Amino acid sequence: MSILDLDDLIERVQISLGTSASLFQEAELEFCCEQAVLELGTSFPIEKSALQLWIIERAKRHSLDILRIQSAHRFKYKQLSLNDRFNHYNTLIQDMDTKFENALNTDPDLLNIPFSGVMGFYIRNGFVYDKFGNSMEHMFANKD
């Protein structure tokens, strides 16, 4: 079964997020799904099963990033810390990114995806940074 359109993808991501899907507004999930489509450089319908799996995983990853950003601004209140929540989201996202990076190197369905467009990277003037401003040049050293 293929992913027919953006609405179909949003529905699948909501299912995969379980009860956490209720933490998102419709526009946020739509944004996450659109980001995944752009990131993988694909269009609808999505027929290949590996690409279906990864587009859902990347949309979930972008969803968790929204939760991470929402948690980042919170602070300690009377010995209660929400830092654990932030750290859990951060760990989940790092794990998802690692799995996706490995798949980019091994999965035939993902071999044609330009690495510079995925995982929140941007390239300017020969320097590569992630969305937090950290140098990512080491990740591109093996791609040449």
N, C-alpha and C. Protein backbone atom coordinates (compact mmCIF):
# COMPACT_ATOMS: atom_id res chain seq x y z
N MET A 1 0.85 -1.17 0.00
CA MET A 1 0.00 0.00 0.00
C MET A 1 0.89 1.24 0.00
N SER A 2 0.59 2.21 -0.80
CA SER A 2 1.41 3.41 -0.92
C SER A 2 0.83 4.55 -0.07
N ILE A 3 1.67 5.55 0.14
CA ILE A 3 1.21 6.78 0.80
C ILE A 3 0.75 7.70 -0.33
N LEU A 4 -0.54 7.96 -0.37
CA LEU A 4 -1.13 8.63 -1.53
C LEU A 4 -0.89 10.13 -1.57
N ASP A 5 -0.99 10.79 -0.42
CA ASP A 5 -0.86 12.25 -0.40
C ASP A 5 -0.46 12.72 0.99
N LEU A 6 -0.37 14.03 1.16
CA LEU A 6 0.05 14.60 2.44
C LEU A 6 -0.90 14.23 3.56
N ASP A 7 -2.20 14.24 3.30
CA ASP A 7 -3.17 13.87 4.34
C ASP A 7 -2.97 12.43 4.80
N ASP A 8 -2.68 11.55 3.86
CA ASP A 8 -2.43 10.15 4.19
C ASP A 8 -1.18 10.03 5.07
N LEU A 9 -0.14 10.79 4.73
CA LEU A 9 1.09 10.77 5.52
C LEU A 9 0.83 11.31 6.93
N ILE A 10 0.10 12.40 7.03
CA ILE A 10 -0.22 12.98 8.34
C ILE A 10 -0.95 11.96 9.21
N GLU A 11 -1.91 11.27 8.61
CA GLU A 11 -2.67 10.26 9.35
C GLU A 11 -1.77 9.14 9.87
N ARG A 12 -0.84 8.69 9.04
CA ARG A 12 0.07 7.62 9.46
C ARG A 12 1.02 8.10 10.56
N VAL A 13 1.46 9.33 10.46
CA VAL A 13 2.34 9.88 11.51
C VAL A 13 1.58 10.01 12.82
N GLN A 14 0.33 10.46 12.76
CA GLN A 14 -0.49 10.55 13.97
C GLN A 14 -0.63 9.19 14.63
N ILE A 15 -0.87 8.17 13.84
CA ILE A 15 -1.00 6.81 14.38
C ILE A 15 0.32 6.37 15.02
N SER A 16 1.43 6.66 14.35
CA SER A 16 2.72 6.22 14.88
C SER A 16 3.12 6.97 16.14
N LEU A 17 2.62 8.19 16.31
CA LEU A 17 2.91 8.97 17.52
C LEU A 17 2.04 8.54 18.70
N GLY A 18 0.99 7.82 18.43
CA GLY A 18 0.09 7.36 19.48
C GLY A 18 -0.58 8.53 20.18
N THR A 19 -0.70 8.43 21.50
CA THR A 19 -1.38 9.50 22.26
C THR A 19 -0.61 10.82 22.23
N SER A 20 0.68 10.76 21.90
CA SER A 20 1.48 11.99 21.79
C SER A 20 1.01 12.88 20.65
N ALA A 21 0.28 12.31 19.70
CA ALA A 21 -0.23 13.10 18.57
C ALA A 21 -1.14 14.22 19.05
N SER A 22 -1.77 14.03 20.19
CA SER A 22 -2.67 15.07 20.72
C SER A 22 -1.91 16.31 21.20
N LEU A 23 -0.60 16.21 21.32
CA LEU A 23 0.22 17.36 21.74
C LEU A 23 0.47 18.34 20.60
N PHE A 24 0.08 17.97 19.39
CA PHE A 24 0.37 18.78 18.21
C PHE A 24 -0.89 19.41 17.63
N GLN A 25 -0.72 20.60 17.10
CA GLN A 25 -1.77 21.21 16.31
C GLN A 25 -1.68 20.64 14.90
N GLU A 26 -2.76 20.73 14.17
CA GLU A 26 -2.79 20.18 12.81
C GLU A 26 -1.70 20.80 11.93
N ALA A 27 -1.50 22.09 12.05
CA ALA A 27 -0.49 22.77 11.24
C ALA A 27 0.92 22.28 11.56
N GLU A 28 1.17 21.91 12.81
CA GLU A 28 2.49 21.41 13.19
C GLU A 28 2.77 20.06 12.54
N LEU A 29 1.79 19.17 12.57
CA LEU A 29 1.97 17.87 11.93
C LEU A 29 2.11 18.00 10.42
N GLU A 30 1.35 18.90 9.85
CA GLU A 30 1.46 19.14 8.41
C GLU A 30 2.87 19.64 8.07
N PHE A 31 3.38 20.55 8.88
CA PHE A 31 4.74 21.08 8.68
C PHE A 31 5.77 19.95 8.76
N CYS A 32 5.65 19.09 9.77
CA CYS A 32 6.60 18.00 9.96
C CYS A 32 6.59 17.04 8.77
N CYS A 33 5.41 16.76 8.27
CA CYS A 33 5.29 15.86 7.11
C CYS A 33 5.86 16.51 5.85
N GLU A 34 5.59 17.79 5.67
CA GLU A 34 6.15 18.50 4.52
C GLU A 34 7.67 18.53 4.59
N GLN A 35 8.22 18.72 5.80
CA GLN A 35 9.67 18.71 5.97
C GLN A 35 10.25 17.36 5.58
N ALA A 36 9.59 16.28 5.97
CA ALA A 36 10.08 14.94 5.64
C ALA A 36 10.06 14.71 4.12
N VAL A 37 9.01 15.17 3.46
CA VAL A 37 8.92 15.03 2.01
C VAL A 37 10.05 15.80 1.33
N LEU A 38 10.28 17.03 1.77
CA LEU A 38 11.36 17.83 1.21
C LEU A 38 12.72 17.23 1.51
N GLU A 39 12.88 16.75 2.73
CA GLU A 39 14.15 16.18 3.16
C GLU A 39 14.54 14.98 2.31
N LEU A 40 13.57 14.14 1.99
CA LEU A 40 13.86 12.94 1.21
C LEU A 40 13.75 13.17 -0.29
N GLY A 41 13.35 14.37 -0.67
CA GLY A 41 13.31 14.71 -2.09
C GLY A 41 12.36 13.84 -2.89
N THR A 42 11.22 13.54 -2.33
CA THR A 42 10.27 12.67 -3.00
C THR A 42 8.95 13.40 -3.23
N SER A 43 8.02 12.72 -3.87
CA SER A 43 6.70 13.29 -4.09
C SER A 43 5.68 12.15 -3.98
N PHE A 44 4.44 12.54 -3.90
CA PHE A 44 3.35 11.57 -3.75
C PHE A 44 2.89 11.09 -5.11
N PRO A 45 2.42 9.87 -5.21
CA PRO A 45 2.34 8.84 -4.19
C PRO A 45 3.72 8.23 -3.93
N ILE A 46 3.92 7.74 -2.71
CA ILE A 46 5.18 7.10 -2.33
C ILE A 46 4.93 5.60 -2.36
N GLU A 47 5.56 4.93 -3.30
CA GLU A 47 5.31 3.52 -3.55
C GLU A 47 6.27 2.59 -2.82
N LYS A 48 7.55 2.94 -2.78
CA LYS A 48 8.57 2.04 -2.21
C LYS A 48 8.38 1.93 -0.70
N SER A 49 8.36 0.69 -0.22
CA SER A 49 8.10 0.47 1.20
C SER A 49 9.18 1.05 2.10
N ALA A 50 10.44 0.97 1.69
CA ALA A 50 11.52 1.54 2.51
C ALA A 50 11.37 3.06 2.60
N LEU A 51 11.01 3.68 1.50
CA LEU A 51 10.82 5.13 1.50
C LEU A 51 9.61 5.51 2.36
N GLN A 52 8.57 4.69 2.34
CA GLN A 52 7.40 4.94 3.20
C GLN A 52 7.81 4.90 4.67
N LEU A 53 8.58 3.87 5.03
CA LEU A 53 9.05 3.75 6.40
C LEU A 53 9.84 4.98 6.82
N TRP A 54 10.78 5.40 5.97
CA TRP A 54 11.67 6.50 6.36
C TRP A 54 10.97 7.85 6.34
N ILE A 55 10.02 8.04 5.48
CA ILE A 55 9.33 9.32 5.48
C ILE A 55 8.48 9.47 6.74
N ILE A 56 7.89 8.37 7.20
CA ILE A 56 7.14 8.40 8.46
C ILE A 56 8.10 8.64 9.63
N GLU A 57 9.23 7.94 9.62
CA GLU A 57 10.22 8.11 10.70
C GLU A 57 10.76 9.55 10.74
N ARG A 58 11.02 10.13 9.58
CA ARG A 58 11.56 11.50 9.55
C ARG A 58 10.50 12.51 9.98
N ALA A 59 9.24 12.26 9.62
CA ALA A 59 8.17 13.15 10.08
C ALA A 59 8.01 13.04 11.59
N LYS A 60 8.12 11.83 12.14
CA LYS A 60 8.08 11.66 13.59
C LYS A 60 9.25 12.39 14.24
N ARG A 61 10.41 12.30 13.63
CA ARG A 61 11.59 12.97 14.15
C ARG A 61 11.37 14.48 14.21
N HIS A 62 10.80 15.04 13.16
CA HIS A 62 10.52 16.48 13.15
C HIS A 62 9.46 16.84 14.19
N SER A 63 8.54 15.92 14.43
CA SER A 63 7.53 16.14 15.47
C SER A 63 8.18 16.17 16.85
N LEU A 64 9.07 15.23 17.10
CA LEU A 64 9.77 15.21 18.38
C LEU A 64 10.63 16.46 18.56
N ASP A 65 11.14 16.98 17.46
CA ASP A 65 11.92 18.22 17.54
C ASP A 65 11.05 19.38 18.02
N ILE A 66 9.81 19.41 17.59
CA ILE A 66 8.90 20.46 18.07
C ILE A 66 8.70 20.32 19.57
N LEU A 67 8.51 19.08 20.05
CA LEU A 67 8.36 18.87 21.48
C LEU A 67 9.64 19.24 22.23
N ARG A 68 10.78 18.95 21.64
CA ARG A 68 12.05 19.32 22.27
C ARG A 68 12.17 20.83 22.40
N ILE A 69 11.80 21.54 21.35
CA ILE A 69 11.88 23.00 21.38
C ILE A 69 10.91 23.55 22.42
N GLN A 70 9.71 22.98 22.49
CA GLN A 70 8.74 23.43 23.49
C GLN A 70 9.24 23.17 24.91
N SER A 71 9.94 22.06 25.10
CA SER A 71 10.45 21.72 26.43
C SER A 71 11.68 22.53 26.80
N ALA A 72 12.42 22.99 25.81
CA ALA A 72 13.68 23.68 26.07
C ALA A 72 13.49 24.98 26.83
N HIS A 73 12.39 25.65 26.65
CA HIS A 73 12.21 26.95 27.29
C HIS A 73 11.67 26.83 28.72
N ARG A 74 11.30 25.63 29.10
CA ARG A 74 10.76 25.44 30.45
C ARG A 74 11.88 25.47 31.48
N PHE A 75 11.51 25.71 32.69
CA PHE A 75 12.52 25.88 33.74
C PHE A 75 12.12 25.08 34.98
N LYS A 76 13.03 25.04 35.94
CA LYS A 76 12.76 24.34 37.20
C LYS A 76 11.79 25.17 38.04
N TYR A 77 10.89 24.49 38.68
CA TYR A 77 9.93 25.15 39.55
C TYR A 77 9.83 24.33 40.82
N LYS A 78 10.27 24.88 41.91
CA LYS A 78 10.21 24.19 43.20
C LYS A 78 10.78 22.78 43.13
N GLN A 79 11.99 22.63 42.76
CA GLN A 79 12.67 21.34 42.69
C GLN A 79 12.14 20.40 41.61
N LEU A 80 11.12 20.80 40.89
CA LEU A 80 10.63 19.99 39.77
C LEU A 80 11.41 20.39 38.53
N SER A 81 11.95 19.43 37.84
CA SER A 81 12.72 19.74 36.65
C SER A 81 12.09 19.07 35.44
N LEU A 82 11.91 19.85 34.41
CA LEU A 82 11.42 19.28 33.14
C LEU A 82 12.59 18.95 32.21
N ASN A 83 13.79 19.06 32.74
CA ASN A 83 14.98 18.78 31.95
C ASN A 83 14.99 17.33 31.47
N ASP A 84 14.48 16.41 32.29
CA ASP A 84 14.45 15.01 31.87
C ASP A 84 13.65 14.83 30.59
N ARG A 85 12.52 15.52 30.49
CA ARG A 85 11.69 15.43 29.29
C ARG A 85 12.49 15.89 28.07
N PHE A 86 13.15 17.01 28.21
CA PHE A 86 13.97 17.54 27.12
C PHE A 86 15.06 16.54 26.75
N ASN A 87 15.73 16.00 27.73
CA ASN A 87 16.81 15.04 27.46
C ASN A 87 16.29 13.78 26.79
N HIS A 88 15.10 13.32 27.16
CA HIS A 88 14.52 12.14 26.52
C HIS A 88 14.22 12.41 25.05
N TYR A 89 13.63 13.57 24.76
CA TYR A 89 13.37 13.92 23.36
C TYR A 89 14.68 14.03 22.59
N ASN A 90 15.67 14.64 23.20
CA ASN A 90 16.96 14.82 22.55
C ASN A 90 17.59 13.46 22.22
N THR A 91 17.53 12.53 23.16
CA THR A 91 18.08 11.20 22.95
C THR A 91 17.32 10.47 21.84
N LEU A 92 15.99 10.57 21.85
CA LEU A 92 15.20 9.94 20.79
C LEU A 92 15.57 10.49 19.42
N ILE A 93 15.71 11.79 19.31
CA ILE A 93 16.04 12.43 18.04
C ILE A 93 17.43 12.01 17.58
N GLN A 94 18.40 11.97 18.48
CA GLN A 94 19.74 11.55 18.11
C GLN A 94 19.75 10.11 17.62
N ASP A 95 19.00 9.24 18.29
CA ASP A 95 18.91 7.85 17.88
C ASP A 95 18.27 7.73 16.50
N MET A 96 17.20 8.50 16.26
CA MET A 96 16.52 8.47 14.96
C MET A 96 17.45 8.97 13.86
N ASP A 97 18.21 10.03 14.14
CA ASP A 97 19.15 10.57 13.16
C ASP A 97 20.26 9.57 12.83
N THR A 98 20.76 8.87 13.84
CA THR A 98 21.80 7.87 13.62
C THR A 98 21.29 6.74 12.73
N LYS A 99 20.10 6.24 13.03
CA LYS A 99 19.52 5.18 12.21
C LYS A 99 19.31 5.64 10.77
N PHE A 100 18.86 6.88 10.61
CA PHE A 100 18.62 7.40 9.27
C PHE A 100 19.93 7.59 8.52
N GLU A 101 20.95 8.07 9.20
CA GLU A 101 22.26 8.25 8.57
C GLU A 101 22.80 6.90 8.09
N ASN A 102 22.64 5.86 8.91
CA ASN A 102 23.07 4.52 8.50
C ASN A 102 22.27 4.04 7.30
N ALA A 103 20.99 4.29 7.28
CA ALA A 103 20.16 3.88 6.16
C ALA A 103 20.53 4.63 4.88
N LEU A 104 20.91 5.88 5.00
CA LEU A 104 21.33 6.64 3.82
C LEU A 104 22.54 6.00 3.14
N ASN A 105 23.37 5.33 3.93
CA ASN A 105 24.57 4.70 3.39
C ASN A 105 24.34 3.28 2.89
N THR A 106 23.22 2.66 3.29
CA THR A 106 23.05 1.24 2.96
C THR A 106 21.78 0.91 2.20
N ASP A 107 20.72 1.66 2.36
CA ASP A 107 19.43 1.34 1.74
C ASP A 107 19.41 1.80 0.29
N PRO A 108 19.22 0.89 -0.67
CA PRO A 108 19.23 1.28 -2.09
C PRO A 108 18.16 2.32 -2.44
N ASP A 109 17.04 2.31 -1.75
CA ASP A 109 15.98 3.27 -2.03
C ASP A 109 16.35 4.70 -1.61
N LEU A 110 17.36 4.82 -0.76
CA LEU A 110 17.75 6.14 -0.25
C LEU A 110 19.08 6.63 -0.82
N LEU A 111 19.71 5.85 -1.68
CA LEU A 111 21.04 6.21 -2.17
C LEU A 111 21.06 7.47 -3.04
N ASN A 112 19.95 7.82 -3.67
CA ASN A 112 19.92 8.99 -4.55
C ASN A 112 19.53 10.27 -3.84
N ILE A 113 19.34 10.20 -2.54
CA ILE A 113 18.95 11.39 -1.79
C ILE A 113 20.20 12.20 -1.48
N PRO A 114 20.22 13.49 -1.86
CA PRO A 114 21.40 14.30 -1.58
C PRO A 114 21.58 14.50 -0.08
N PHE A 115 22.74 14.12 0.45
CA PHE A 115 22.98 14.15 1.89
C PHE A 115 22.94 15.57 2.44
N SER A 116 23.29 16.56 1.64
CA SER A 116 23.33 17.94 2.13
C SER A 116 21.95 18.48 2.45
N GLY A 117 20.88 17.84 1.98
CA GLY A 117 19.54 18.34 2.22
C GLY A 117 18.82 17.69 3.38
N VAL A 118 19.46 16.74 4.05
CA VAL A 118 18.78 16.01 5.10
C VAL A 118 19.32 16.33 6.48
N MET A 119 18.54 15.97 7.49
CA MET A 119 18.93 16.05 8.89
C MET A 119 19.19 17.47 9.36
N GLY A 120 18.52 18.44 8.76
CA GLY A 120 18.61 19.80 9.25
C GLY A 120 19.91 20.49 8.96
N PHE A 121 20.67 20.01 7.98
CA PHE A 121 21.95 20.63 7.66
C PHE A 121 21.75 21.77 6.67
N TYR A 122 22.67 22.73 6.71
CA TYR A 122 22.73 23.71 5.65
C TYR A 122 24.19 23.98 5.35
N ILE A 123 24.44 24.32 4.10
CA ILE A 123 25.81 24.50 3.64
C ILE A 123 25.93 25.90 3.04
N ARG A 124 26.92 26.63 3.51
CA ARG A 124 27.21 27.96 2.97
C ARG A 124 28.71 28.14 2.93
N ASN A 125 29.23 28.69 1.85
CA ASN A 125 30.65 29.04 1.74
C ASN A 125 31.59 27.91 2.12
N GLY A 126 31.18 26.68 1.88
CA GLY A 126 32.05 25.55 2.16
C GLY A 126 32.05 25.07 3.60
N PHE A 127 31.35 25.73 4.49
CA PHE A 127 31.27 25.30 5.87
C PHE A 127 29.91 24.65 6.10
N VAL A 128 29.88 23.59 6.88
CA VAL A 128 28.66 22.84 7.11
C VAL A 128 28.31 22.91 8.59
N TYR A 129 27.05 23.31 8.88
CA TYR A 129 26.60 23.44 10.26
C TYR A 129 25.26 22.76 10.44
N ASP A 130 24.99 22.28 11.65
CA ASP A 130 23.65 21.80 11.95
C ASP A 130 22.81 22.99 12.41
N LYS A 131 21.55 22.73 12.78
CA LYS A 131 20.66 23.84 13.12
C LYS A 131 21.04 24.54 14.42
N PHE A 132 21.97 23.94 15.18
CA PHE A 132 22.43 24.57 16.41
C PHE A 132 23.75 25.31 16.22
N GLY A 133 24.26 25.33 14.98
CA GLY A 133 25.50 26.04 14.68
C GLY A 133 26.75 25.23 14.90
N ASN A 134 26.62 23.93 15.14
CA ASN A 134 27.78 23.06 15.33
C ASN A 134 28.35 22.63 13.98
N SER A 135 29.66 22.59 13.87
CA SER A 135 30.31 22.17 12.64
C SER A 135 29.99 20.72 12.35
N MET A 136 29.61 20.43 11.11
CA MET A 136 29.25 19.07 10.71
C MET A 136 30.15 18.56 9.58
N GLU A 137 31.29 19.19 9.38
CA GLU A 137 32.16 18.82 8.27
C GLU A 137 32.60 17.36 8.34
N HIS A 138 32.76 16.84 9.57
CA HIS A 138 33.20 15.45 9.72
C HIS A 138 32.21 14.46 9.12
N MET A 139 30.95 14.81 9.03
CA MET A 139 29.94 13.89 8.48
C MET A 139 30.04 13.79 6.97
N PHE A 140 30.61 14.81 6.33
CA PHE A 140 30.69 14.80 4.88
C PHE A 140 32.05 14.30 4.38
N ALA A 141 32.95 14.05 5.28
CA ALA A 141 34.28 13.61 4.89
C ALA A 141 34.25 12.27 4.17
N ASN A 142 33.36 11.35 4.56
CA ASN A 142 33.28 10.02 3.96
C ASN A 142 32.40 9.99 2.71
N LYS A 143 31.72 11.06 2.40
CA LYS A 143 30.78 11.08 1.27
C LYS A 143 31.47 11.31 -0.07
N ASP A 144 32.71 11.74 -0.09
CA ASP A 144 33.39 12.06 -1.35
C ASP A 144 34.01 10.86 -2.00
